[in-house]
Amino acid sequence: MLQAGLNFVEDEINGVSLGQPQTLHKDRHLLAINCGNACGKRCAVASVKDRCLKYCGICCSSCQCVPPGTYGNKNACPCYRDLKNAKGKPKCP
């Protein structure tokens, strides 16, 4: 679908939708995703929501993707899955 010079597509990995549309500019370069919305969905049921949003935002800005759902599904976004904190534990919620 073409809309005002932008082409909206939905990324899929192994046939599983990431659940967040990516935007292609008319010259075919990906624009940044809306990390606030993506992390809001990811952290919707987190017990410590502010911490979840903080780290999800850091990971999203680095990786430009957030796994679908509120838990798990990290294989849909390998960069997000593989980021580690200083102690070697997963950084991203």
Protein backbone atom coordinates (compact mmCIF):
# COMPACT_ATOMS: atom_id res chain seq x y z
CA MET A 1 0.00 0.00 0.00
CA LEU A 2 1.44 3.37 -0.99
CA GLN A 3 0.49 6.32 1.15
CA ALA A 4 2.00 9.82 0.91
CA GLY A 5 5.32 8.59 -0.43
CA LEU A 6 5.75 5.94 2.27
CA ASN A 7 5.37 2.21 1.85
CA PHE A 8 4.17 0.35 4.94
CA VAL A 9 5.29 -3.26 5.32
CA GLU A 10 5.15 -5.75 8.16
CA ASP A 11 8.31 -7.68 8.94
CA GLU A 12 8.08 -11.41 9.37
CA ILE A 13 10.63 -13.87 10.68
CA ASN A 14 9.99 -17.54 9.95
CA GLY A 15 6.41 -16.66 9.06
CA VAL A 16 5.73 -15.03 12.45
CA SER A 17 4.67 -11.42 12.32
CA LEU A 18 6.60 -9.02 14.54
CA GLY A 19 3.32 -7.24 15.13
CA GLN A 20 4.71 -3.81 14.42
CA PRO A 21 4.73 -2.22 11.01
CA GLN A 22 8.06 -0.99 9.72
CA THR A 23 8.06 2.03 7.45
CA LEU A 24 9.98 2.19 4.21
CA HIS A 25 10.75 5.64 2.85
CA LYS A 26 10.27 6.12 -0.88
CA ASP A 27 14.01 5.51 -1.39
CA ARG A 28 13.59 2.13 0.40
CA HIS A 29 15.46 2.92 3.65
CA LEU A 30 13.83 1.79 6.90
CA LEU A 31 12.75 4.58 9.19
CA ALA A 32 12.92 4.20 12.95
CA ILE A 33 10.09 2.33 14.65
CA ASN A 34 8.10 3.99 17.40
CA CYS A 35 9.89 2.53 20.43
CA GLY A 36 7.47 4.17 22.86
CA ASN A 37 4.47 2.33 21.42
CA ALA A 38 6.33 -0.94 20.93
CA CYS A 39 7.70 -0.90 24.50
CA GLY A 40 4.34 0.15 25.90
CA LYS A 41 2.86 -3.04 24.45
CA ARG A 42 5.85 -5.16 25.54
CA CYS A 43 5.72 -3.84 29.13
CA ALA A 44 1.93 -3.70 29.51
CA VAL A 45 1.79 -6.38 32.22
CA ALA A 46 5.25 -5.90 33.77
CA SER A 47 5.36 -5.77 37.57
CA VAL A 48 7.98 -2.98 37.49
CA LYS A 49 6.70 -1.05 34.48
CA ASP A 50 9.05 1.94 34.65
CA ARG A 51 12.14 -0.30 34.66
CA CYS A 52 10.73 -2.42 31.84
CA LEU A 53 10.03 0.67 29.73
CA LYS A 54 13.52 2.07 30.41
CA TYR A 55 15.41 -1.04 29.34
CA CYS A 56 13.04 -1.86 26.49
CA GLY A 57 13.57 1.68 25.18
CA ILE A 58 17.35 1.30 25.34
CA CYS A 59 17.19 -2.02 23.53
CA CYS A 60 14.68 -0.79 20.96
CA SER A 61 16.75 2.25 20.05
CA SER A 62 19.82 0.03 19.60
CA CYS A 63 18.09 -2.76 17.67
CA GLN A 64 15.15 -1.00 15.99
CA CYS A 65 12.83 -3.87 16.91
CA VAL A 66 10.89 -5.20 19.88
CA PRO A 67 9.62 -8.80 20.09
CA PRO A 68 5.83 -9.23 19.90
CA GLY A 69 3.80 -9.92 23.01
CA THR A 70 4.47 -9.16 26.64
CA TYR A 71 6.93 -12.00 27.30
CA GLY A 72 9.21 -14.32 25.36
CA ASN A 73 9.31 -14.36 21.54
CA LYS A 74 12.85 -12.92 21.66
CA ASN A 75 13.94 -15.05 18.69
CA ALA A 76 11.87 -12.69 16.53
CA CYS A 77 14.48 -10.00 17.26
CA PRO A 78 17.99 -11.49 17.64
CA CYS A 79 19.68 -8.15 18.42
CA TYR A 80 17.19 -7.51 21.25
CA ARG A 81 17.65 -11.08 22.49
CA ASP A 82 21.46 -10.93 22.48
CA LEU A 83 22.05 -7.62 24.31
CA LYS A 84 23.58 -8.27 27.75
CA ASN A 85 24.08 -6.13 30.84
CA ALA A 86 27.45 -5.69 32.60
CA LYS A 87 26.88 -8.94 34.52
CA GLY A 88 26.29 -10.92 31.32
CA LYS A 89 22.54 -11.34 31.88
CA PRO A 90 19.89 -10.38 29.31
CA LYS A 91 19.45 -6.61 29.22
CA CYS A 92 16.14 -6.47 27.39
CA PRO A 93 12.75 -7.36 28.92
